[in-house]
């Protein structure tokens, strides 16, 4: 049996649903004759084989990781790279374009990085585990995790994904529909159905591409899922979709995701605004409006007059969030007006997210109606048995119910990682998801709070150690500069502090499987 036939037999035994098998195993899609310009099945490659954009040996990977991470996370870079260790393998970076769907099943395209280990070390060839990596929220549309040589384009997460490839993992890292060269004019932010489809379509395309671009590595049979923030949510949604299709991952590490979406939305809009909530709120409202069409009647009915015109096209956007704020297209932090009914009830710290009504993102009339619905139709968010047993009339709250991930019982190992003081994605998401899964019979779900004391001999002690060290570094640097240490910690807590620490947790967990 030749190598390509052998790889396709291996793919056919992978347990993928039939529709994905066609794309993944070469039963449909494009050929080397040219790109696909017509309407194609999900998961097919637009360019087959995908182009290799960069090839580095192990020393080159280490050097590029240092160049990428040092300017963005400073003194934390060397400590982080020391924990992962020097690259065992070189890495070939391939840039994939594949067919997928938008939020209403409209056909579109998306792109992804396919990172393959290379080299003579035993970990760099033969059967290797595959990691499906979901990235966190990005406001810049130009995001491309395959562009490892430009950290401004690939971000910190492009480097974190590459670390896995440098240690012997096959890595598939989608950019998502709505980013890079995707034709979709919006991004389906926290749309569990679409984003899990996008991830699986990237996986199918990568499985089609793998035997075409490498003769030295193939899948070992282990498939891991991970991601941070939005990526943590996407990873867990993808694990749910895979299990429903009868093709479970080996294990999943979901990091700091809004899994209990109903609770997150009720808290964020009901009186506990999230840090940097202007961007997250806008992307969420736009995404669900595109998906369901009933979040608002018009942008003028939800957003203040100063911002409503053209607002749906703002994020993600190559102009950058800071540029949009400087141009007056979005407020910096005022999410709600001071005339909102709950203004007097929020904490002094949370009052910072309330501003003059004309300068705040959401119209008070919209917020008032949402608060009235919250009072009339509360959801039992803290329930471990039936947290979604409610029927809100407000369409944003109803959309949150549709995208809450407390609807299934994970059968494969799952670890949830986060930090208990996260001001962006509240740690209650992790605790509520853990409680729900336990109450419904899940037996292999664990939680790591990186912002907690080490236990003696604890497996994740080194992740907690780097969290503690970096936390003290952030505070010390703020005090040295004469800045507010508490504000500096809040600004850095979700990213990079918890993100880097949970990255270490995920790496250690997968290596133990």
Protein backbone atom coordinates (compact mmCIF):
# COMPACT_ATOMS: atom_id res chain seq x y z
CA UNK A 1 0.00 0.00 0.00
CA UNK A 2 1.50 3.40 -0.95
CA UNK A 3 1.87 6.18 1.62
CA UNK A 4 -1.10 8.26 0.40
CA UNK A 5 -3.41 5.25 0.41
CA UNK A 6 -2.17 4.30 3.87
CA UNK A 7 -2.89 7.81 5.17
CA UNK A 8 -6.36 7.81 3.68
CA UNK A 9 -7.11 4.43 5.28
CA UNK A 10 -5.95 5.88 8.58
CA UNK A 11 -8.23 8.88 8.01
CA UNK A 12 -11.24 6.71 7.19
CA UNK A 13 -10.79 4.96 10.53
CA UNK A 14 -10.68 8.28 12.41
CA UNK A 15 -14.36 8.33 13.36
CA UNK A 16 -15.22 11.58 11.59
CA UNK A 17 -18.83 12.08 10.44
CA UNK A 18 -19.39 11.07 6.81
CA UNK A 19 -19.62 14.64 5.51
CA UNK A 20 -16.25 15.52 7.02
CA UNK A 21 -14.71 12.25 5.87
CA UNK A 22 -15.29 13.25 2.24
CA UNK A 23 -13.28 16.40 2.71
CA UNK A 24 -10.68 15.01 5.09
CA UNK A 25 -9.87 11.81 3.23
CA UNK A 26 -9.79 13.10 -0.32
CA UNK A 27 -13.25 12.05 -1.48
CA UNK A 28 -14.04 15.57 -2.67
CA UNK A 29 -12.47 18.99 -2.93
CA UNK A 30 -9.85 20.65 -5.08
CA UNK A 31 -6.88 19.11 -6.77
CA UNK A 32 -3.38 20.27 -7.57
CA UNK A 33 -4.73 21.56 -10.88
CA UNK A 34 -5.86 24.80 -9.26
CA UNK A 35 -7.94 26.52 -6.61
CA UNK A 36 -11.62 25.91 -6.07
CA UNK A 37 -13.61 28.84 -7.43
CA UNK A 38 -17.10 27.37 -7.11
CA UNK A 39 -19.38 26.36 -4.28
CA UNK A 40 -17.74 23.51 -2.42
CA UNK A 41 -18.42 21.28 0.52
CA UNK A 42 -17.35 22.36 3.96
CA UNK A 43 -13.79 21.46 4.86
CA UNK A 44 -12.43 21.34 1.30
CA UNK A 45 -9.17 23.08 0.52
CA UNK A 46 -9.29 26.14 -1.71
CA UNK A 47 -5.66 25.61 -2.64
CA UNK A 48 -4.45 22.02 -2.61
CA UNK A 49 -1.79 21.52 -1.39
CA UNK A 50 -1.54 24.59 0.86
CA UNK A 51 1.57 26.71 0.49
CA UNK A 52 4.48 26.37 2.88
CA UNK A 53 5.21 29.91 4.03
CA UNK A 54 8.11 29.35 6.42
CA UNK A 55 10.48 26.54 7.38
CA UNK A 56 12.69 26.80 10.47
CA UNK A 57 14.99 24.36 12.20
CA UNK A 58 14.85 24.03 15.98
CA UNK A 59 17.37 26.82 16.58
CA UNK A 60 15.44 29.06 14.23
CA UNK A 61 12.19 28.35 16.07
CA UNK A 62 13.76 29.26 19.41
CA UNK A 63 15.20 32.47 18.00
CA UNK A 64 11.89 33.50 16.40
CA UNK A 65 9.92 32.70 19.56
CA UNK A 66 12.22 34.99 21.51
CA UNK A 67 11.85 37.73 18.89
CA UNK A 68 8.06 37.36 18.93
CA UNK A 69 7.46 37.15 22.66
CA UNK A 70 10.06 39.49 24.19
CA UNK A 71 8.60 42.74 22.73
CA UNK A 72 5.05 41.75 23.69
CA UNK A 73 5.45 40.24 27.15
CA UNK A 74 8.89 41.55 28.12
CA UNK A 75 10.58 39.88 31.07
CA UNK A 76 7.98 37.09 31.05
CA UNK A 77 9.23 35.73 27.72
CA UNK A 78 12.43 34.09 28.90
CA UNK A 79 10.69 32.57 31.93
CA UNK A 80 7.89 31.15 29.79
CA UNK A 81 10.21 29.71 27.16
CA UNK A 82 12.35 28.12 29.87
CA UNK A 83 9.29 26.29 31.20
CA UNK A 84 8.51 24.83 27.78
CA UNK A 85 12.16 24.08 27.08
CA UNK A 86 14.20 24.46 23.90
CA UNK A 87 12.56 23.37 20.68
CA UNK A 88 12.99 19.69 19.97
CA UNK A 89 11.90 20.06 16.36
CA UNK A 90 11.99 22.47 13.51
CA UNK A 91 8.62 23.63 12.18
CA UNK A 92 7.16 23.94 8.69
CA UNK A 93 4.37 26.52 8.54
CA UNK A 94 1.64 26.03 5.94
CA UNK A 95 -1.10 28.52 5.12
CA UNK A 96 -4.45 26.85 4.46
CA UNK A 97 -7.58 28.32 2.94
CA UNK A 98 -10.70 26.18 3.27
CA UNK A 99 -14.44 26.31 2.74
CA UNK A 100 -16.78 26.76 5.68
CA UNK A 101 -20.05 28.49 6.55
CA UNK A 102 -21.21 31.64 8.30
CA UNK A 103 -23.78 32.02 11.05
CA UNK A 104 -26.77 31.41 8.78
CA UNK A 105 -25.09 28.60 6.80
CA UNK A 106 -23.96 30.97 4.05
CA UNK A 107 -20.99 29.54 2.20
CA UNK A 108 -17.72 31.33 2.81
CA UNK A 109 -14.02 30.72 3.27
CA UNK A 110 -11.57 30.95 6.14
CA UNK A 111 -7.86 30.42 6.67
CA UNK A 112 -5.69 28.55 9.14
CA UNK A 113 -2.15 27.66 10.06
CA UNK A 114 -0.96 24.09 9.69
CA UNK A 115 2.27 23.69 11.66
CA UNK A 116 4.28 20.48 11.24
CA UNK A 117 7.27 19.30 13.27
CA UNK A 118 10.44 18.50 11.34
CA UNK A 119 13.86 17.13 12.19
CA UNK A 120 15.66 13.96 13.16
CA UNK A 121 14.70 13.78 16.84
CA UNK A 122 12.27 10.94 17.68
CA UNK A 123 9.54 13.43 18.65
CA UNK A 124 9.60 15.05 15.22
CA UNK A 125 8.49 12.28 12.90
CA UNK A 126 6.15 9.33 12.63
CA UNK A 127 2.81 9.26 14.43
CA UNK A 128 2.33 12.54 16.28
CA UNK A 129 -0.56 13.94 18.36
CA UNK A 130 -2.70 16.58 16.67
CA UNK A 131 -3.62 19.82 18.45
CA UNK A 132 -6.61 21.85 17.28
CA UNK A 133 -5.94 25.35 18.62
CA UNK A 134 -8.61 28.06 19.02
CA UNK A 135 -7.41 31.64 19.39
CA UNK A 136 -8.80 34.30 21.71
CA UNK A 137 -10.62 37.52 20.85
CA UNK A 138 -8.87 39.64 18.23
CA UNK A 139 -10.15 43.06 17.18
CA UNK A 140 -7.77 43.23 14.19
CA UNK A 141 -9.13 41.56 11.08
CA UNK A 142 -5.62 40.97 9.68
CA UNK A 143 -4.99 38.17 12.22
CA UNK A 144 -3.15 35.23 10.65
CA UNK A 145 -1.63 32.60 12.95
CA UNK A 146 0.35 31.17 10.02
CA UNK A 147 2.44 34.34 9.80
CA UNK A 148 4.83 33.27 12.55
CA UNK A 149 7.47 35.71 11.38
CA UNK A 150 5.31 38.76 12.14
CA UNK A 151 3.98 38.87 15.70
CA UNK A 152 1.88 41.92 14.82
CA UNK A 153 -0.14 39.64 12.54
CA UNK A 154 0.01 36.29 14.35
CA UNK A 155 -0.09 37.62 17.92
CA UNK A 156 1.13 35.90 21.06
CA UNK A 157 -1.12 32.94 20.33
CA UNK A 158 0.62 32.22 17.06
CA UNK A 159 3.76 31.68 19.12
CA UNK A 160 1.99 29.60 21.77
CA UNK A 161 0.62 27.32 19.05
CA UNK A 162 4.06 27.07 17.43
CA UNK A 163 5.58 25.90 20.74
CA UNK A 164 3.49 22.74 20.47
CA UNK A 165 4.72 22.07 16.94
CA UNK A 166 8.30 22.61 18.11
CA UNK A 167 7.73 19.81 20.63
CA UNK A 168 6.28 17.28 18.23
CA UNK A 169 2.60 18.15 17.81
CA UNK A 170 0.80 18.58 14.51
CA UNK A 171 -0.97 21.90 15.01
CA UNK A 172 -4.09 23.17 13.23
CA UNK A 173 -4.87 26.77 14.21
CA UNK A 174 -7.85 28.39 12.44
CA UNK A 175 -8.03 32.16 12.02
CA UNK A 176 -11.86 31.89 11.92
CA UNK A 177 -14.37 33.16 9.39
CA UNK A 178 -14.38 36.94 9.25
CA UNK A 179 -10.59 37.26 9.65
CA UNK A 180 -7.67 37.47 7.26
CA UNK A 181 -8.86 36.83 3.68
CA UNK A 182 -12.26 35.40 4.63
CA UNK A 183 -15.06 36.77 2.48
CA UNK A 184 -17.47 36.85 5.42
CA UNK A 185 -18.19 40.47 6.30
CA UNK A 186 -18.51 39.84 10.03
CA UNK A 187 -17.13 37.42 12.60
CA UNK A 188 -19.55 34.95 14.31
CA UNK A 189 -18.18 35.81 17.76
CA UNK A 190 -19.27 33.32 20.46
CA UNK A 191 -21.65 31.58 18.10
CA UNK A 192 -21.17 28.02 19.35
CA UNK A 193 -22.71 26.30 16.34
CA UNK A 194 -20.82 28.23 13.66
CA UNK A 195 -17.49 28.34 15.46
CA UNK A 196 -17.43 24.61 16.11
CA UNK A 197 -18.24 24.01 12.44
CA UNK A 198 -15.40 26.35 11.44
CA UNK A 199 -12.97 24.44 13.67
CA UNK A 200 -14.04 21.05 12.30
CA UNK A 201 -13.85 22.34 8.73
CA UNK A 202 -10.27 23.47 9.36
CA UNK A 203 -9.50 20.04 10.81
CA UNK A 204 -10.97 18.30 7.78
CA UNK A 205 -8.95 20.50 5.43
CA UNK A 206 -5.77 19.85 7.42
CA UNK A 207 -6.32 16.10 7.26
CA UNK A 208 -6.69 16.39 3.52
CA UNK A 209 -3.51 18.46 3.28
CA UNK A 210 -1.28 16.51 5.65
CA UNK A 211 -0.30 13.59 3.37
CA UNK A 212 0.18 16.06 0.52
CA UNK A 213 2.71 18.25 2.35
CA UNK A 214 4.58 15.83 4.60
CA UNK A 215 5.99 12.34 4.23
CA UNK A 216 7.54 12.30 7.69
CA UNK A 217 4.64 12.86 10.09
CA UNK A 218 1.11 11.52 10.41
CA UNK A 219 -1.51 11.46 13.14
CA UNK A 220 -0.90 9.13 16.05
CA UNK A 221 -4.60 8.89 16.90
CA UNK A 222 -4.48 11.45 19.72
CA UNK A 223 -6.45 14.65 19.12
CA UNK A 224 -6.33 17.49 21.64
CA UNK A 225 -8.41 20.68 21.77
CA UNK A 226 -7.44 23.91 23.50
CA UNK A 227 -7.83 27.67 23.36
CA UNK A 228 -7.89 30.73 25.57
CA UNK A 229 -10.70 33.23 26.29
CA UNK A 230 -12.90 33.16 23.19
CA UNK A 231 -10.72 30.22 22.18
CA UNK A 232 -11.54 28.42 25.43
CA UNK A 233 -15.22 28.80 24.63
CA UNK A 234 -14.64 27.65 21.04
CA UNK A 235 -12.59 24.64 22.15
CA UNK A 236 -15.34 23.48 24.50
CA UNK A 237 -18.04 24.07 21.86
CA UNK A 238 -15.97 22.03 19.41
CA UNK A 239 -15.56 19.19 21.92
CA UNK A 240 -19.35 19.18 22.32
CA UNK A 241 -19.87 19.07 18.54
CA UNK A 242 -17.35 16.26 18.11
CA UNK A 243 -18.94 14.19 20.85
CA UNK A 244 -22.39 14.70 19.32
CA UNK A 245 -21.00 13.46 15.99
CA UNK A 246 -19.46 10.38 17.61
CA UNK A 247 -15.84 11.46 17.23
CA UNK A 248 -14.52 12.57 20.61
CA UNK A 249 -11.20 14.31 21.22
CA UNK A 250 -8.61 12.60 23.38
CA UNK A 251 -8.79 15.49 25.84
CA UNK A 252 -9.68 19.19 25.98
CA UNK A 253 -8.22 22.07 27.96
CA UNK A 254 -10.59 25.05 27.85
CA UNK A 255 -9.02 28.21 29.23
CA UNK A 256 -10.89 31.23 30.65
CA UNK A 257 -13.93 30.91 28.40
CA UNK A 258 -17.47 32.22 28.80
CA UNK A 259 -19.00 28.75 28.91
CA UNK A 260 -21.92 29.86 31.12
CA UNK A 261 -22.89 32.49 28.56
CA UNK A 262 -26.31 33.22 30.03
CA UNK A 263 -24.77 34.03 33.42
CA UNK A 264 -22.00 36.10 31.79
CA UNK A 265 -24.45 38.22 29.77
CA UNK A 266 -26.83 38.73 32.69
CA UNK A 267 -23.93 39.87 34.86
CA UNK A 268 -22.25 42.07 32.25
CA UNK A 269 -25.40 43.89 31.18
CA UNK A 270 -27.15 43.72 34.52
CA UNK A 271 -24.72 45.62 36.70
CA UNK A 272 -21.24 44.05 36.67
CA UNK A 273 -19.67 45.36 33.44
CA UNK A 274 -16.69 43.46 32.09
CA UNK A 275 -13.33 45.15 31.68
CA UNK A 276 -12.79 46.27 28.06
CA UNK A 277 -16.46 45.48 27.54
CA UNK A 278 -17.04 47.96 24.72
CA UNK A 279 -15.27 45.78 22.16
CA UNK A 280 -16.56 42.47 23.50
CA UNK A 281 -20.13 43.74 23.77
CA UNK A 282 -20.17 45.15 20.26
CA UNK A 283 -18.74 41.98 18.71
CA UNK A 284 -21.26 39.86 20.60
CA UNK A 285 -24.27 41.98 19.67
CA UNK A 286 -23.22 42.13 16.00
CA UNK A 287 -22.53 38.40 15.83
CA UNK A 288 -25.88 37.40 17.25
CA UNK A 289 -27.73 39.98 15.17
CA UNK A 290 -26.22 38.46 12.03
CA UNK A 291 -27.15 34.97 13.23
CA UNK A 292 -30.67 35.52 14.52
CA UNK A 293 -31.75 38.88 13.07
CA UNK A 294 -33.74 39.94 16.13
CA UNK A 295 -31.28 41.35 18.68
CA UNK A 296 -32.31 44.86 17.70
CA UNK A 297 -34.57 46.50 15.14
CA UNK A 298 -31.80 48.83 13.95
CA UNK A 299 -28.40 49.95 15.18
CA UNK A 300 -30.01 53.27 16.16
CA UNK A 301 -32.32 51.43 18.56
CA UNK A 302 -29.49 49.98 20.62
CA UNK A 303 -26.46 52.25 20.20
CA UNK A 304 -26.08 55.91 21.06
CA UNK A 305 -26.44 58.29 18.15
CA UNK A 306 -22.74 59.16 18.26
CA UNK A 307 -21.79 55.59 17.34
CA UNK A 308 -24.71 53.86 15.63
CA UNK A 309 -23.89 54.67 11.99
CA UNK A 310 -21.79 51.92 10.41
CA UNK A 311 -21.07 50.31 13.77
CA UNK A 312 -21.69 46.71 12.67
CA UNK A 313 -18.68 46.90 10.33
CA UNK A 314 -16.23 48.21 12.92
CA UNK A 315 -14.91 45.01 14.55
CA UNK A 316 -12.89 43.14 13.62
CA UNK A 317 -11.19 45.89 11.61
CA UNK A 318 -7.64 46.50 10.43
CA UNK A 319 -7.74 50.08 11.73
CA UNK A 320 -7.29 48.81 15.27
CA UNK A 321 -9.42 49.42 18.34
CA UNK A 322 -7.30 52.32 19.65
CA UNK A 323 -7.60 54.09 16.29
CA UNK A 324 -11.38 53.70 16.33
CA UNK A 325 -11.56 55.16 19.84
CA UNK A 326 -9.26 58.05 18.91
CA UNK A 327 -11.43 58.79 15.89
CA UNK A 328 -14.58 58.90 18.02
CA UNK A 329 -16.07 55.80 16.40
CA UNK A 330 -16.28 53.98 19.77
CA UNK A 331 -16.06 55.04 23.41
CA UNK A 332 -13.03 53.95 25.39
CA UNK A 333 -14.83 52.35 28.35
CA UNK A 334 -18.29 53.89 28.76
CA UNK A 335 -20.63 50.99 28.08
CA UNK A 336 -23.71 52.44 29.79
CA UNK A 337 -25.13 55.86 30.56
CA UNK A 338 -25.21 57.22 34.09
CA UNK A 339 -28.98 57.53 33.73
CA UNK A 340 -29.35 53.72 33.56
CA UNK A 341 -31.68 52.39 36.29
CA UNK A 342 -28.94 50.34 37.96
CA UNK A 343 -26.25 53.04 38.08
CA UNK A 344 -26.82 53.87 41.74
CA UNK A 345 -26.60 50.18 42.68
CA UNK A 346 -23.25 49.27 41.11
CA UNK A 347 -19.96 49.36 42.97
CA UNK A 348 -17.77 52.43 42.94
CA UNK A 349 -15.26 50.63 40.72
CA UNK A 350 -17.93 49.60 38.22
CA UNK A 351 -19.21 53.16 37.94
CA UNK A 352 -16.15 53.76 35.75
CA UNK A 353 -17.98 51.95 32.94
CA UNK A 354 -20.92 54.36 33.08
CA UNK A 355 -20.58 57.75 31.40
CA UNK A 356 -22.62 60.63 30.00
CA UNK A 357 -25.46 59.02 28.03
CA UNK A 358 -24.48 60.66 24.74
CA UNK A 359 -20.91 59.36 25.11
CA UNK A 360 -21.78 55.80 26.11
CA UNK A 361 -22.13 52.86 23.74
CA UNK A 362 -25.60 51.59 24.59
CA UNK A 363 -28.77 53.62 24.67
CA UNK A 364 -30.32 53.79 28.12
CA UNK A 365 -33.71 52.84 26.68
CA UNK A 366 -32.22 49.53 25.50
CA UNK A 367 -30.51 48.87 28.82
CA UNK A 368 -33.68 49.72 30.73
CA UNK A 369 -35.69 47.20 28.70
CA UNK A 370 -33.06 44.51 29.24
CA UNK A 371 -33.04 45.12 32.99
CA UNK A 372 -36.82 44.91 33.08
CA UNK A 373 -36.67 41.55 31.32
CA UNK A 374 -33.97 40.37 33.73
CA UNK A 375 -36.30 41.15 36.63
CA UNK A 376 -39.37 39.63 34.97
CA UNK A 377 -37.67 36.51 33.55
CA UNK A 378 -34.65 35.64 35.70
CA UNK A 379 -32.58 32.62 34.80
CA UNK A 380 -31.41 30.19 37.51
CA UNK A 381 -27.81 30.62 36.39
CA UNK A 382 -26.32 29.19 39.57
CA UNK A 383 -28.29 25.95 39.32
CA UNK A 384 -26.13 22.92 38.64
CA UNK A 385 -29.04 20.90 37.28
CA UNK A 386 -31.17 23.20 35.08
CA UNK A 387 -29.44 26.62 34.72
CA UNK A 388 -31.15 27.35 31.40
CA UNK A 389 -34.68 26.72 32.63
CA UNK A 390 -35.99 30.19 31.77
CA UNK A 391 -37.60 32.02 28.88
CA UNK A 392 -36.32 35.60 28.57
CA UNK A 393 -38.20 37.86 26.20
CA UNK A 394 -35.17 40.06 25.58
CA UNK A 395 -33.54 38.73 22.43
CA UNK A 396 -29.95 39.27 23.55
CA UNK A 397 -30.61 37.20 26.68
CA UNK A 398 -32.39 34.57 24.58
CA UNK A 399 -29.37 34.38 22.27
CA UNK A 400 -27.14 33.92 25.32
CA UNK A 401 -29.20 30.86 26.27
CA UNK A 402 -28.70 29.41 22.78
CA UNK A 403 -24.96 29.78 23.14
CA UNK A 404 -24.56 28.61 26.72
CA UNK A 405 -22.47 25.42 26.78
CA UNK A 406 -24.16 23.87 29.82
CA UNK A 407 -26.17 21.50 27.63
CA UNK A 408 -24.13 18.28 27.54
CA UNK A 409 -22.01 15.91 29.59
CA UNK A 410 -18.39 15.58 28.46
CA UNK A 411 -17.34 11.96 28.09
CA UNK A 412 -13.67 12.65 27.28
CA UNK A 413 -11.20 14.17 29.77
CA UNK A 414 -11.69 17.91 30.25
CA UNK A 415 -9.67 20.46 32.19
CA UNK A 416 -10.90 24.01 32.78
CA UNK A 417 -8.21 26.59 33.57
CA UNK A 418 -8.54 30.20 34.68
CA UNK A 419 -7.85 32.80 37.32
CA UNK A 420 -10.33 33.63 40.08
CA UNK A 421 -10.05 37.43 39.77
CA UNK A 422 -10.43 37.66 35.99
CA UNK A 423 -12.15 41.00 35.17
CA UNK A 424 -13.00 40.06 31.57
CA UNK A 425 -14.28 36.49 31.63
CA UNK A 426 -15.58 35.91 35.12
CA UNK A 427 -14.29 32.80 36.85
CA UNK A 428 -17.90 31.92 37.64
CA UNK A 429 -18.01 30.53 34.09
CA UNK A 430 -15.53 27.85 35.09
CA UNK A 431 -17.18 27.05 38.40
CA UNK A 432 -20.70 26.96 36.96
CA UNK A 433 -19.64 24.73 34.06
CA UNK A 434 -17.78 22.40 36.43
CA UNK A 435 -20.83 22.14 38.71
CA UNK A 436 -23.18 21.44 35.80
CA UNK A 437 -20.97 18.74 34.32
CA UNK A 438 -20.53 17.06 37.72
CA UNK A 439 -24.26 17.13 38.39
CA UNK A 440 -24.90 15.43 35.05
CA UNK A 441 -22.47 12.59 35.54
CA UNK A 442 -19.18 13.76 34.05
CA UNK A 443 -16.37 11.88 35.77
CA UNK A 444 -13.21 13.40 34.30
CA UNK A 445 -13.60 17.18 34.59
CA UNK A 446 -11.02 19.07 36.60
CA UNK A 447 -10.35 22.76 37.33
CA UNK A 448 -7.10 24.64 37.80
CA UNK A 449 -7.19 28.12 39.32
CA UNK A 450 -3.74 29.49 38.53
CA UNK A 451 -4.29 32.32 41.02
CA UNK A 452 -4.25 30.03 44.04
CA UNK A 453 -1.71 28.55 46.43
CA UNK A 454 0.29 25.53 45.34
CA UNK A 455 -0.53 22.14 46.73
CA UNK A 456 2.38 19.94 47.72
CA UNK A 457 3.56 18.04 44.68
CA UNK A 458 0.76 19.48 42.57
CA UNK A 459 1.03 18.75 38.85
CA UNK A 460 0.35 22.36 37.92
CA UNK A 461 2.63 23.97 40.48
CA UNK A 462 4.93 25.47 37.87
CA UNK A 463 2.02 27.19 36.13
CA UNK A 464 0.91 28.68 39.45
CA UNK A 465 4.48 29.67 40.17
CA UNK A 466 4.83 31.65 36.95
CA UNK A 467 1.47 33.29 37.63
CA UNK A 468 2.63 34.40 41.07
CA UNK A 469 5.99 35.62 39.79
CA UNK A 470 4.50 37.58 36.89
CA UNK A 471 1.81 39.05 39.13
CA UNK A 472 4.46 40.42 41.48
CA UNK A 473 6.44 41.71 38.48
CA UNK A 474 3.42 43.61 37.16
CA UNK A 475 2.81 45.19 40.56
CA UNK A 476 6.47 46.07 41.07
CA UNK A 477 6.79 47.64 37.62
CA UNK A 478 3.64 49.70 38.19
CA UNK A 479 4.89 50.99 41.53
CA UNK A 480 8.29 51.79 40.05
CA UNK A 481 6.61 53.84 37.33
CA UNK A 482 4.32 55.57 39.81
CA UNK A 483 1.24 53.94 38.34
CA UNK A 484 -1.80 52.43 40.06
CA UNK A 485 -0.75 48.85 40.80
CA UNK A 486 -4.33 47.58 41.12
CA UNK A 487 -5.25 49.04 37.74
CA UNK A 488 -2.11 47.60 36.15
CA UNK A 489 -2.97 44.17 37.51
CA UNK A 490 -6.53 44.44 36.19
CA UNK A 491 -5.25 45.49 32.76
CA UNK A 492 -2.87 42.52 32.56
CA UNK A 493 -4.78 39.83 34.48
CA UNK A 494 -6.73 38.15 31.67
CA UNK A 495 -3.96 38.64 29.12
CA UNK A 496 -1.09 37.97 29.36
CA UNK A 497 -0.98 36.87 33.04
CA UNK A 498 -3.63 34.13 33.10
CA UNK A 499 -3.19 33.33 29.42
CA UNK A 500 0.48 32.43 29.80
CA UNK A 501 -0.07 30.48 33.00
CA UNK A 502 -2.94 28.45 31.55
CA UNK A 503 -0.82 27.78 28.46
CA UNK A 504 1.63 25.99 30.74
CA UNK A 505 -1.24 24.07 32.37
CA UNK A 506 -2.53 22.91 28.98
CA UNK A 507 0.91 21.82 27.81
CA UNK A 508 1.57 19.83 30.99
CA UNK A 509 -1.89 18.27 30.89
CA UNK A 510 -1.63 17.09 27.28
CA UNK A 511 1.83 15.68 27.84
CA UNK A 512 0.40 13.61 30.70
CA UNK A 513 -2.31 12.03 28.52
